[in-house]
N, C-alpha and C. Protein backbone atom coordinates (compact mmCIF):
# COMPACT_ATOMS: atom_id res chain seq x y z
N MET A 1 20.02 41.80 -15.03
CA MET A 1 20.48 40.77 -15.95
C MET A 1 19.81 40.98 -17.30
N SER A 2 20.60 41.03 -18.34
CA SER A 2 20.08 41.20 -19.70
C SER A 2 19.52 39.88 -20.20
N ARG A 3 18.25 39.90 -20.63
CA ARG A 3 17.60 38.69 -21.14
C ARG A 3 17.31 38.92 -22.61
N ASP A 4 18.21 38.45 -23.44
CA ASP A 4 18.07 38.78 -24.85
C ASP A 4 18.23 37.61 -25.81
N LYS A 5 18.19 36.40 -25.31
CA LYS A 5 18.29 35.22 -26.16
C LYS A 5 17.10 34.31 -25.90
N GLU A 6 16.79 33.48 -26.89
CA GLU A 6 15.67 32.56 -26.74
C GLU A 6 16.12 31.12 -26.89
N ILE A 7 15.61 30.29 -26.01
CA ILE A 7 15.81 28.84 -26.04
C ILE A 7 14.41 28.24 -26.13
N TYR A 8 14.29 27.10 -26.77
CA TYR A 8 12.99 26.48 -26.95
C TYR A 8 12.96 25.10 -26.31
N VAL A 9 11.82 24.77 -25.75
CA VAL A 9 11.58 23.43 -25.21
C VAL A 9 10.44 22.85 -26.04
N LEU A 10 10.71 21.70 -26.64
CA LEU A 10 9.74 21.02 -27.49
C LEU A 10 9.25 19.77 -26.77
N LEU A 11 7.94 19.68 -26.61
CA LEU A 11 7.32 18.48 -26.05
C LEU A 11 6.58 17.78 -27.17
N THR A 12 6.73 16.47 -27.26
CA THR A 12 6.10 15.72 -28.34
C THR A 12 5.48 14.43 -27.83
N ASP A 13 4.59 13.90 -28.66
CA ASP A 13 4.05 12.56 -28.49
C ASP A 13 4.30 11.84 -29.80
N THR A 14 5.23 10.91 -29.79
CA THR A 14 5.60 10.20 -31.02
C THR A 14 4.71 8.99 -31.28
N GLY A 15 3.91 8.61 -30.30
CA GLY A 15 3.01 7.48 -30.49
C GLY A 15 3.66 6.12 -30.35
N THR A 16 4.90 6.08 -29.87
CA THR A 16 5.59 4.80 -29.71
C THR A 16 5.02 4.05 -28.51
N VAL A 17 5.36 2.78 -28.41
CA VAL A 17 4.93 1.97 -27.28
C VAL A 17 5.44 2.58 -25.98
N LEU A 18 6.70 3.04 -25.97
CA LEU A 18 7.26 3.63 -24.75
C LEU A 18 6.47 4.87 -24.33
N THR A 19 6.13 5.75 -25.27
CA THR A 19 5.38 6.95 -24.88
C THR A 19 3.98 6.59 -24.39
N LYS A 20 3.41 5.54 -24.93
CA LYS A 20 2.09 5.10 -24.45
C LYS A 20 2.19 4.57 -23.02
N ILE A 21 3.26 3.86 -22.73
CA ILE A 21 3.48 3.36 -21.36
C ILE A 21 3.69 4.54 -20.41
N ILE A 22 4.52 5.49 -20.83
CA ILE A 22 4.77 6.67 -20.00
C ILE A 22 3.47 7.42 -19.73
N ARG A 23 2.65 7.58 -20.76
CA ARG A 23 1.37 8.29 -20.62
C ARG A 23 0.47 7.61 -19.59
N THR A 24 0.55 6.29 -19.49
CA THR A 24 -0.24 5.55 -18.51
C THR A 24 0.06 6.05 -17.10
N PHE A 25 1.31 6.38 -16.84
CA PHE A 25 1.71 6.83 -15.50
C PHE A 25 1.58 8.33 -15.32
N THR A 26 1.93 9.12 -16.35
CA THR A 26 1.92 10.57 -16.20
C THR A 26 0.56 11.20 -16.44
N LYS A 27 -0.25 10.55 -17.25
CA LYS A 27 -1.56 11.08 -17.67
C LYS A 27 -1.41 12.33 -18.53
N ASP A 28 -0.20 12.63 -18.97
CA ASP A 28 0.06 13.79 -19.83
C ASP A 28 0.05 13.36 -21.29
N PRO A 29 -0.48 14.18 -22.18
CA PRO A 29 -0.55 13.80 -23.59
C PRO A 29 0.80 13.87 -24.32
N LEU A 30 1.72 14.70 -23.83
CA LEU A 30 3.03 14.86 -24.48
C LEU A 30 4.09 14.34 -23.53
N ASN A 31 4.84 13.32 -23.95
CA ASN A 31 5.74 12.63 -23.02
C ASN A 31 7.18 12.52 -23.49
N HIS A 32 7.59 13.42 -24.37
CA HIS A 32 9.00 13.48 -24.75
C HIS A 32 9.40 14.95 -24.75
N ALA A 33 10.56 15.26 -24.17
CA ALA A 33 11.04 16.63 -24.06
C ALA A 33 12.39 16.78 -24.76
N SER A 34 12.54 17.91 -25.44
CA SER A 34 13.78 18.24 -26.14
C SER A 34 14.09 19.71 -25.92
N ILE A 35 15.34 20.07 -26.14
CA ILE A 35 15.76 21.46 -26.08
C ILE A 35 16.19 21.88 -27.48
N ALA A 36 15.82 23.09 -27.88
CA ALA A 36 16.17 23.59 -29.22
C ALA A 36 16.75 24.99 -29.12
N PHE A 37 17.65 25.29 -30.04
CA PHE A 37 18.30 26.59 -30.05
C PHE A 37 17.75 27.54 -31.10
N ASP A 38 16.76 27.10 -31.85
CA ASP A 38 16.21 27.97 -32.90
C ASP A 38 14.72 27.69 -33.07
N PRO A 39 13.96 28.69 -33.50
CA PRO A 39 12.51 28.51 -33.66
C PRO A 39 12.14 27.60 -34.82
N ASP A 40 13.05 27.40 -35.76
CA ASP A 40 12.79 26.53 -36.91
C ASP A 40 13.07 25.06 -36.59
N LEU A 41 13.54 24.81 -35.38
CA LEU A 41 13.81 23.45 -34.89
C LEU A 41 14.81 22.70 -35.77
N GLN A 42 15.86 23.41 -36.15
CA GLN A 42 16.97 22.78 -36.87
C GLN A 42 17.96 22.14 -35.89
N GLU A 43 18.07 22.74 -34.70
CA GLU A 43 18.98 22.23 -33.66
C GLU A 43 18.16 21.79 -32.46
N VAL A 44 17.83 20.52 -32.42
CA VAL A 44 17.00 19.95 -31.36
C VAL A 44 17.77 18.80 -30.71
N TYR A 45 17.85 18.81 -29.37
CA TYR A 45 18.64 17.81 -28.65
C TYR A 45 17.82 17.19 -27.53
N SER A 46 18.10 15.92 -27.26
CA SER A 46 17.40 15.23 -26.19
C SER A 46 18.10 13.92 -25.87
N PHE A 47 17.43 13.12 -25.05
CA PHE A 47 17.81 11.74 -24.82
C PHE A 47 16.68 10.88 -25.32
N GLY A 48 17.00 9.98 -26.20
CA GLY A 48 15.99 9.12 -26.80
C GLY A 48 16.66 8.06 -27.64
N ARG A 49 15.93 7.60 -28.64
CA ARG A 49 16.44 6.54 -29.53
C ARG A 49 17.58 7.08 -30.39
N ARG A 50 18.67 6.35 -30.42
CA ARG A 50 19.75 6.71 -31.34
C ARG A 50 19.41 6.26 -32.75
N ASN A 51 18.64 5.20 -32.85
CA ASN A 51 18.15 4.71 -34.13
C ASN A 51 16.63 4.62 -34.00
N PRO A 52 15.89 5.38 -34.81
CA PRO A 52 14.43 5.38 -34.68
C PRO A 52 13.79 4.00 -34.78
N ASN A 53 14.46 3.06 -35.42
CA ASN A 53 13.92 1.71 -35.58
C ASN A 53 14.28 0.76 -34.44
N ASN A 54 15.09 1.24 -33.49
CA ASN A 54 15.54 0.38 -32.39
C ASN A 54 15.28 1.07 -31.05
N PRO A 55 14.21 0.70 -30.35
CA PRO A 55 13.89 1.35 -29.08
C PRO A 55 14.81 0.98 -27.93
N PHE A 56 15.70 0.02 -28.13
CA PHE A 56 16.55 -0.45 -27.04
C PHE A 56 17.93 0.20 -27.03
N PHE A 57 18.22 1.05 -27.98
CA PHE A 57 19.52 1.70 -28.07
C PHE A 57 19.32 3.20 -27.95
N GLY A 58 19.42 3.72 -26.71
CA GLY A 58 19.14 5.13 -26.48
C GLY A 58 20.30 5.85 -25.87
N GLY A 59 20.24 7.17 -25.97
CA GLY A 59 21.27 8.03 -25.42
C GLY A 59 21.06 9.45 -25.89
N PHE A 60 22.13 10.24 -25.85
CA PHE A 60 22.07 11.63 -26.30
C PHE A 60 21.89 11.65 -27.82
N VAL A 61 20.94 12.45 -28.28
CA VAL A 61 20.66 12.52 -29.71
C VAL A 61 20.41 13.95 -30.16
N ARG A 62 20.80 14.21 -31.40
CA ARG A 62 20.35 15.41 -32.10
C ARG A 62 19.18 14.94 -32.95
N GLU A 63 18.01 15.50 -32.70
CA GLU A 63 16.80 15.00 -33.33
C GLU A 63 16.49 15.74 -34.63
N ASP A 64 16.04 14.98 -35.60
CA ASP A 64 15.55 15.54 -36.86
C ASP A 64 14.03 15.48 -36.81
N VAL A 65 13.41 16.59 -36.42
CA VAL A 65 11.96 16.58 -36.24
C VAL A 65 11.20 16.53 -37.56
N ARG A 66 11.92 16.59 -38.68
CA ARG A 66 11.30 16.47 -39.99
C ARG A 66 11.33 15.03 -40.51
N SER A 67 11.91 14.13 -39.74
CA SER A 67 12.02 12.74 -40.16
C SER A 67 10.67 12.04 -40.03
N SER A 68 10.57 10.88 -40.65
CA SER A 68 9.32 10.12 -40.61
C SER A 68 8.98 9.67 -39.18
N PHE A 69 9.97 9.56 -38.32
CA PHE A 69 9.73 9.17 -36.93
C PHE A 69 8.76 10.13 -36.24
N PHE A 70 8.85 11.42 -36.57
CA PHE A 70 8.01 12.44 -35.95
C PHE A 70 6.80 12.82 -36.81
N GLU A 71 6.60 12.12 -37.91
CA GLU A 71 5.60 12.51 -38.90
C GLU A 71 4.19 12.72 -38.34
N GLU A 72 3.76 11.87 -37.44
CA GLU A 72 2.41 11.98 -36.88
C GLU A 72 2.39 12.59 -35.48
N SER A 73 3.48 13.16 -35.05
CA SER A 73 3.61 13.64 -33.68
C SER A 73 2.82 14.91 -33.40
N MET A 74 2.17 14.91 -32.26
CA MET A 74 1.60 16.14 -31.71
C MET A 74 2.72 16.80 -30.92
N CYS A 75 2.65 18.13 -30.79
CA CYS A 75 3.70 18.82 -30.07
C CYS A 75 3.19 20.08 -29.39
N ALA A 76 4.00 20.57 -28.49
CA ALA A 76 3.86 21.89 -27.90
C ALA A 76 5.26 22.48 -27.88
N LEU A 77 5.39 23.69 -28.43
CA LEU A 77 6.68 24.37 -28.47
C LEU A 77 6.62 25.55 -27.52
N TYR A 78 7.60 25.61 -26.64
CA TYR A 78 7.68 26.67 -25.64
C TYR A 78 8.96 27.48 -25.84
N ARG A 79 8.85 28.76 -25.53
CA ARG A 79 10.00 29.67 -25.63
C ARG A 79 10.39 30.12 -24.23
N CYS A 80 11.69 30.27 -24.03
CA CYS A 80 12.22 30.77 -22.77
C CYS A 80 13.26 31.83 -23.09
N THR A 81 13.03 33.04 -22.60
CA THR A 81 13.98 34.12 -22.82
C THR A 81 15.02 34.07 -21.70
N VAL A 82 16.28 34.05 -22.11
CA VAL A 82 17.38 33.89 -21.15
C VAL A 82 18.45 34.94 -21.40
N SER A 83 19.32 35.11 -20.42
CA SER A 83 20.45 36.02 -20.57
C SER A 83 21.47 35.40 -21.53
N GLN A 84 22.36 36.24 -22.01
CA GLN A 84 23.43 35.76 -22.88
C GLN A 84 24.29 34.72 -22.14
N THR A 85 24.50 34.94 -20.85
CA THR A 85 25.30 34.01 -20.05
C THR A 85 24.65 32.63 -19.97
N VAL A 86 23.35 32.60 -19.68
CA VAL A 86 22.64 31.32 -19.61
C VAL A 86 22.65 30.65 -20.98
N TYR A 87 22.42 31.43 -22.02
CA TYR A 87 22.43 30.89 -23.39
C TYR A 87 23.78 30.25 -23.70
N ASN A 88 24.86 30.97 -23.41
CA ASN A 88 26.21 30.44 -23.66
C ASN A 88 26.46 29.17 -22.84
N ASN A 89 26.01 29.17 -21.59
CA ASN A 89 26.18 27.99 -20.74
C ASN A 89 25.43 26.79 -21.32
N LEU A 90 24.20 27.02 -21.79
CA LEU A 90 23.42 25.94 -22.41
C LEU A 90 24.13 25.40 -23.64
N ARG A 91 24.62 26.30 -24.48
CA ARG A 91 25.35 25.88 -25.68
C ARG A 91 26.56 25.03 -25.31
N ASN A 92 27.31 25.50 -24.32
CA ASN A 92 28.51 24.77 -23.90
C ASN A 92 28.17 23.39 -23.34
N GLN A 93 27.09 23.31 -22.56
CA GLN A 93 26.65 22.03 -22.02
C GLN A 93 26.31 21.05 -23.14
N VAL A 94 25.51 21.51 -24.09
CA VAL A 94 25.10 20.63 -25.19
C VAL A 94 26.31 20.24 -26.04
N GLN A 95 27.22 21.17 -26.25
CA GLN A 95 28.43 20.86 -27.02
C GLN A 95 29.23 19.76 -26.31
N HIS A 96 29.30 19.83 -24.99
CA HIS A 96 29.98 18.78 -24.22
C HIS A 96 29.32 17.42 -24.47
N PHE A 97 27.99 17.39 -24.45
CA PHE A 97 27.27 16.13 -24.70
C PHE A 97 27.55 15.63 -26.11
N GLU A 98 27.56 16.53 -27.07
CA GLU A 98 27.83 16.13 -28.46
C GLU A 98 29.22 15.52 -28.60
N GLN A 99 30.19 16.16 -27.99
CA GLN A 99 31.57 15.69 -28.10
C GLN A 99 31.81 14.38 -27.36
N ASN A 100 30.97 14.08 -26.40
CA ASN A 100 31.14 12.88 -25.58
C ASN A 100 29.92 11.96 -25.64
N GLN A 101 29.19 12.01 -26.73
CA GLN A 101 27.91 11.31 -26.79
C GLN A 101 28.02 9.80 -26.59
N ASP A 102 29.15 9.22 -26.89
CA ASP A 102 29.30 7.77 -26.70
C ASP A 102 29.29 7.37 -25.21
N LEU A 103 29.57 8.32 -24.33
CA LEU A 103 29.54 8.05 -22.89
C LEU A 103 28.12 7.94 -22.35
N TYR A 104 27.19 8.62 -23.00
CA TYR A 104 25.86 8.82 -22.42
C TYR A 104 24.85 7.78 -22.88
N LYS A 105 24.06 7.33 -21.93
CA LYS A 105 23.04 6.31 -22.16
C LYS A 105 21.68 6.84 -21.71
N TYR A 106 20.64 6.13 -22.11
CA TYR A 106 19.28 6.48 -21.69
C TYR A 106 19.05 5.97 -20.27
N ASN A 107 18.50 6.81 -19.42
CA ASN A 107 18.29 6.47 -18.01
C ASN A 107 16.91 5.86 -17.78
N LEU A 108 16.73 4.64 -18.23
CA LEU A 108 15.45 3.96 -18.06
C LEU A 108 15.15 3.71 -16.58
N VAL A 109 16.16 3.36 -15.82
CA VAL A 109 15.99 3.13 -14.38
C VAL A 109 15.53 4.43 -13.71
N GLY A 110 16.15 5.54 -14.08
CA GLY A 110 15.76 6.83 -13.51
C GLY A 110 14.34 7.21 -13.87
N MET A 111 13.93 6.88 -15.09
CA MET A 111 12.57 7.17 -15.51
C MET A 111 11.58 6.36 -14.67
N LEU A 112 11.92 5.13 -14.37
CA LEU A 112 11.08 4.32 -13.49
C LEU A 112 11.04 4.91 -12.08
N GLY A 113 12.15 5.52 -11.67
CA GLY A 113 12.19 6.18 -10.37
C GLY A 113 11.17 7.30 -10.25
N VAL A 114 10.90 7.99 -11.34
CA VAL A 114 9.91 9.06 -11.33
C VAL A 114 8.55 8.50 -10.92
N VAL A 115 8.23 7.32 -11.43
CA VAL A 115 6.94 6.68 -11.13
C VAL A 115 6.79 6.47 -9.62
N PHE A 116 7.90 6.12 -8.94
CA PHE A 116 7.87 5.83 -7.51
C PHE A 116 8.39 6.99 -6.66
N ASN A 117 8.62 8.14 -7.30
CA ASN A 117 9.14 9.33 -6.63
C ASN A 117 10.47 9.06 -5.92
N ILE A 118 11.33 8.32 -6.62
CA ILE A 118 12.65 7.97 -6.12
C ILE A 118 13.69 8.55 -7.08
N GLU A 119 14.65 9.29 -6.54
CA GLU A 119 15.70 9.88 -7.37
C GLU A 119 16.79 8.84 -7.63
N TRP A 120 16.71 8.19 -8.78
CA TRP A 120 17.72 7.21 -9.17
C TRP A 120 18.65 7.84 -10.19
N GLU A 121 19.78 8.28 -9.68
CA GLU A 121 20.76 8.92 -10.56
C GLU A 121 21.76 7.88 -11.03
N ARG A 122 22.01 7.89 -12.32
CA ARG A 122 23.01 7.00 -12.90
C ARG A 122 24.00 7.86 -13.67
N LYS A 123 25.27 7.63 -13.42
CA LYS A 123 26.31 8.40 -14.07
C LYS A 123 26.21 8.25 -15.59
N TYR A 124 26.29 9.37 -16.29
CA TYR A 124 26.24 9.43 -17.76
C TYR A 124 24.92 8.93 -18.33
N SER A 125 23.85 9.00 -17.55
CA SER A 125 22.55 8.53 -18.02
C SER A 125 21.47 9.57 -17.72
N TYR A 126 20.62 9.80 -18.70
CA TYR A 126 19.52 10.75 -18.57
C TYR A 126 18.30 10.22 -19.30
N PHE A 127 17.13 10.63 -18.86
CA PHE A 127 15.93 10.51 -19.68
C PHE A 127 15.62 11.92 -20.17
N CYS A 128 14.72 12.05 -21.11
CA CYS A 128 14.57 13.30 -21.85
C CYS A 128 14.30 14.53 -20.98
N SER A 129 13.31 14.47 -20.12
CA SER A 129 12.97 15.65 -19.31
C SER A 129 14.01 15.92 -18.23
N GLN A 130 14.66 14.88 -17.75
CA GLN A 130 15.78 15.05 -16.81
C GLN A 130 16.89 15.83 -17.50
N PHE A 131 17.19 15.49 -18.75
CA PHE A 131 18.21 16.18 -19.52
C PHE A 131 17.87 17.66 -19.67
N VAL A 132 16.65 17.97 -20.10
CA VAL A 132 16.26 19.37 -20.31
C VAL A 132 16.35 20.15 -19.00
N ALA A 133 15.80 19.62 -17.93
CA ALA A 133 15.83 20.31 -16.63
C ALA A 133 17.27 20.48 -16.13
N THR A 134 18.09 19.46 -16.32
CA THR A 134 19.49 19.53 -15.90
C THR A 134 20.26 20.58 -16.68
N MET A 135 20.03 20.66 -17.98
CA MET A 135 20.73 21.65 -18.80
C MET A 135 20.44 23.07 -18.31
N PHE A 136 19.17 23.35 -18.05
CA PHE A 136 18.82 24.68 -17.55
C PHE A 136 19.42 24.91 -16.17
N GLN A 137 19.31 23.93 -15.29
CA GLN A 137 19.83 24.08 -13.93
C GLN A 137 21.34 24.34 -13.95
N ARG A 138 22.07 23.55 -14.69
CA ARG A 138 23.53 23.72 -14.76
C ARG A 138 23.93 25.03 -15.43
N SER A 139 23.04 25.59 -16.20
CA SER A 139 23.34 26.83 -16.91
C SER A 139 22.94 28.06 -16.11
N GLY A 140 22.41 27.85 -14.92
CA GLY A 140 22.10 28.96 -14.04
C GLY A 140 20.65 29.41 -14.04
N MET A 141 19.76 28.58 -14.55
CA MET A 141 18.34 28.95 -14.59
C MET A 141 17.49 27.73 -14.25
N GLU A 142 16.82 27.79 -13.12
CA GLU A 142 15.94 26.69 -12.70
C GLU A 142 14.59 26.86 -13.38
N LEU A 143 14.17 25.88 -14.15
CA LEU A 143 12.84 25.93 -14.76
C LEU A 143 11.77 25.52 -13.76
N ILE A 144 12.12 24.60 -12.88
CA ILE A 144 11.15 23.99 -11.97
C ILE A 144 11.81 23.81 -10.61
N ASP A 145 11.05 24.04 -9.57
CA ASP A 145 11.54 23.85 -8.21
C ASP A 145 11.39 22.38 -7.83
N LYS A 146 12.20 21.55 -8.49
CA LYS A 146 12.11 20.10 -8.33
C LYS A 146 13.42 19.51 -8.84
N SER A 147 13.83 18.43 -8.27
CA SER A 147 15.04 17.76 -8.75
C SER A 147 14.86 17.34 -10.20
N PRO A 148 15.86 17.59 -11.06
CA PRO A 148 15.77 17.13 -12.45
C PRO A 148 15.52 15.63 -12.56
N LEU A 149 15.92 14.87 -11.54
CA LEU A 149 15.72 13.42 -11.55
C LEU A 149 14.25 13.03 -11.46
N LEU A 150 13.39 13.99 -11.13
CA LEU A 150 11.95 13.71 -10.99
C LEU A 150 11.09 14.52 -11.95
N VAL A 151 11.72 15.31 -12.81
CA VAL A 151 10.97 16.18 -13.73
C VAL A 151 10.39 15.37 -14.88
N THR A 152 9.12 15.62 -15.15
CA THR A 152 8.43 14.99 -16.28
C THR A 152 8.18 16.04 -17.37
N PRO A 153 7.91 15.62 -18.59
CA PRO A 153 7.53 16.59 -19.61
C PRO A 153 6.31 17.42 -19.18
N GLY A 154 5.40 16.82 -18.44
CA GLY A 154 4.24 17.57 -17.94
C GLY A 154 4.64 18.69 -16.99
N ASP A 155 5.68 18.47 -16.19
CA ASP A 155 6.19 19.53 -15.31
C ASP A 155 6.70 20.70 -16.15
N LEU A 156 7.40 20.39 -17.22
CA LEU A 156 7.91 21.44 -18.10
C LEU A 156 6.76 22.21 -18.74
N GLN A 157 5.72 21.49 -19.09
CA GLN A 157 4.55 22.11 -19.73
C GLN A 157 3.87 23.11 -18.80
N HIS A 158 3.97 22.91 -17.51
CA HIS A 158 3.23 23.74 -16.56
C HIS A 158 4.09 24.78 -15.84
N THR A 159 5.36 24.91 -16.18
CA THR A 159 6.18 25.91 -15.52
C THR A 159 5.89 27.30 -16.09
N SER A 160 5.91 28.29 -15.22
CA SER A 160 5.68 29.67 -15.66
C SER A 160 6.89 30.26 -16.38
N MET A 161 8.01 29.54 -16.37
CA MET A 161 9.23 30.03 -17.02
C MET A 161 9.18 29.88 -18.54
N LEU A 162 8.23 29.09 -19.03
CA LEU A 162 8.13 28.84 -20.46
C LEU A 162 6.84 29.45 -21.01
N GLU A 163 6.94 29.99 -22.22
CA GLU A 163 5.79 30.60 -22.90
C GLU A 163 5.40 29.73 -24.09
N LEU A 164 4.14 29.32 -24.14
CA LEU A 164 3.66 28.50 -25.25
C LEU A 164 3.68 29.31 -26.54
N VAL A 165 4.29 28.72 -27.57
CA VAL A 165 4.38 29.35 -28.88
C VAL A 165 3.47 28.66 -29.88
N TYR A 166 3.41 27.33 -29.79
CA TYR A 166 2.63 26.55 -30.76
C TYR A 166 2.19 25.25 -30.11
N HIS A 167 0.98 24.82 -30.49
CA HIS A 167 0.48 23.52 -30.05
C HIS A 167 -0.28 22.92 -31.22
N GLY A 168 0.07 21.70 -31.61
CA GLY A 168 -0.62 21.05 -32.72
C GLY A 168 0.26 19.98 -33.34
N GLN A 169 -0.02 19.64 -34.58
CA GLN A 169 0.78 18.65 -35.31
C GLN A 169 2.18 19.22 -35.57
N LEU A 170 3.20 18.46 -35.21
CA LEU A 170 4.58 18.92 -35.41
C LEU A 170 4.86 19.18 -36.87
N HIS A 171 4.41 18.29 -37.76
CA HIS A 171 4.72 18.48 -39.18
C HIS A 171 4.05 19.74 -39.73
N SER A 172 2.95 20.18 -39.15
CA SER A 172 2.32 21.42 -39.59
C SER A 172 3.17 22.63 -39.22
N TYR A 173 3.87 22.53 -38.10
CA TYR A 173 4.75 23.62 -37.68
C TYR A 173 6.04 23.61 -38.49
N VAL A 174 6.74 22.49 -38.51
CA VAL A 174 8.05 22.46 -39.16
C VAL A 174 7.95 22.41 -40.68
N GLY A 175 6.82 21.97 -41.19
CA GLY A 175 6.68 21.87 -42.63
C GLY A 175 6.21 23.14 -43.30
N CYS A 176 5.57 24.01 -42.56
CA CYS A 176 4.95 25.18 -43.18
C CYS A 176 5.47 26.51 -42.67
N GLN A 177 6.05 26.53 -41.50
CA GLN A 177 6.44 27.80 -40.91
C GLN A 177 7.96 27.95 -40.90
N ASN A 178 8.37 29.19 -41.08
CA ASN A 178 9.80 29.49 -41.03
C ASN A 178 10.17 30.31 -39.82
N SER A 179 9.18 30.76 -39.07
CA SER A 179 9.49 31.59 -37.91
C SER A 179 8.39 31.47 -36.88
N ILE A 180 8.69 31.94 -35.70
CA ILE A 180 7.71 31.95 -34.62
C ILE A 180 6.53 32.84 -35.00
N ALA A 181 6.78 33.93 -35.67
CA ALA A 181 5.69 34.84 -36.07
C ALA A 181 4.70 34.12 -36.97
N ALA A 182 5.19 33.34 -37.90
CA ALA A 182 4.29 32.59 -38.79
C ALA A 182 3.55 31.52 -38.01
N ALA A 183 4.20 30.92 -37.04
CA ALA A 183 3.58 29.84 -36.27
C ALA A 183 2.40 30.33 -35.45
N SER A 184 2.45 31.56 -34.99
CA SER A 184 1.37 32.04 -34.14
C SER A 184 0.03 32.07 -34.86
N ALA A 185 0.04 32.16 -36.18
CA ALA A 185 -1.21 32.14 -36.94
C ALA A 185 -1.86 30.77 -36.91
N PHE A 186 -1.09 29.72 -36.58
CA PHE A 186 -1.60 28.35 -36.58
C PHE A 186 -1.76 27.80 -35.17
N ARG A 187 -1.69 28.65 -34.18
CA ARG A 187 -1.78 28.21 -32.79
C ARG A 187 -3.12 27.54 -32.55
N THR A 188 -3.09 26.41 -31.89
CA THR A 188 -4.34 25.69 -31.59
C THR A 188 -4.61 25.63 -30.10
N ALA A 189 -3.73 26.18 -29.31
CA ALA A 189 -3.98 26.17 -27.86
C ALA A 189 -3.61 27.50 -27.27
């Protein structure tokens, strides 16, 4: 299998009340997961707030990591080398979500299921790490030997399928670097 494309998984801590609550249960410092198609983080997708000022309205989102919402965020950026087929499948999956984003909601119940190790699947609903794990699984590449309904950002952080590229302040990465090569000079982990 030819592995010639790169996909990125971005883990962040936005410092919101919800991430602080999640951290209480996971004990992980980074509690939001996104998938990106470029090292400059221009195309970043996840499940989260549709409006940064309203924590109660969530669903599928294209994230602007340069916005003030992420200004103080810590992050870890991981790279995953995939085949052209997996890459195309991931693109098609995300395109489907974009075209049907009004159908999709945030899976708060499912996220609570993770706390109790219960797989609570809700149609058209995802939480962030469930979305990332599901996208890879549906595209033909399992990141973790675990149901996507139970995957946490910490699980993604510890999988051998991902290579750490950068760890530190998100704004230091997206504000100063234009490529992965430049980012490696600022690696803090």
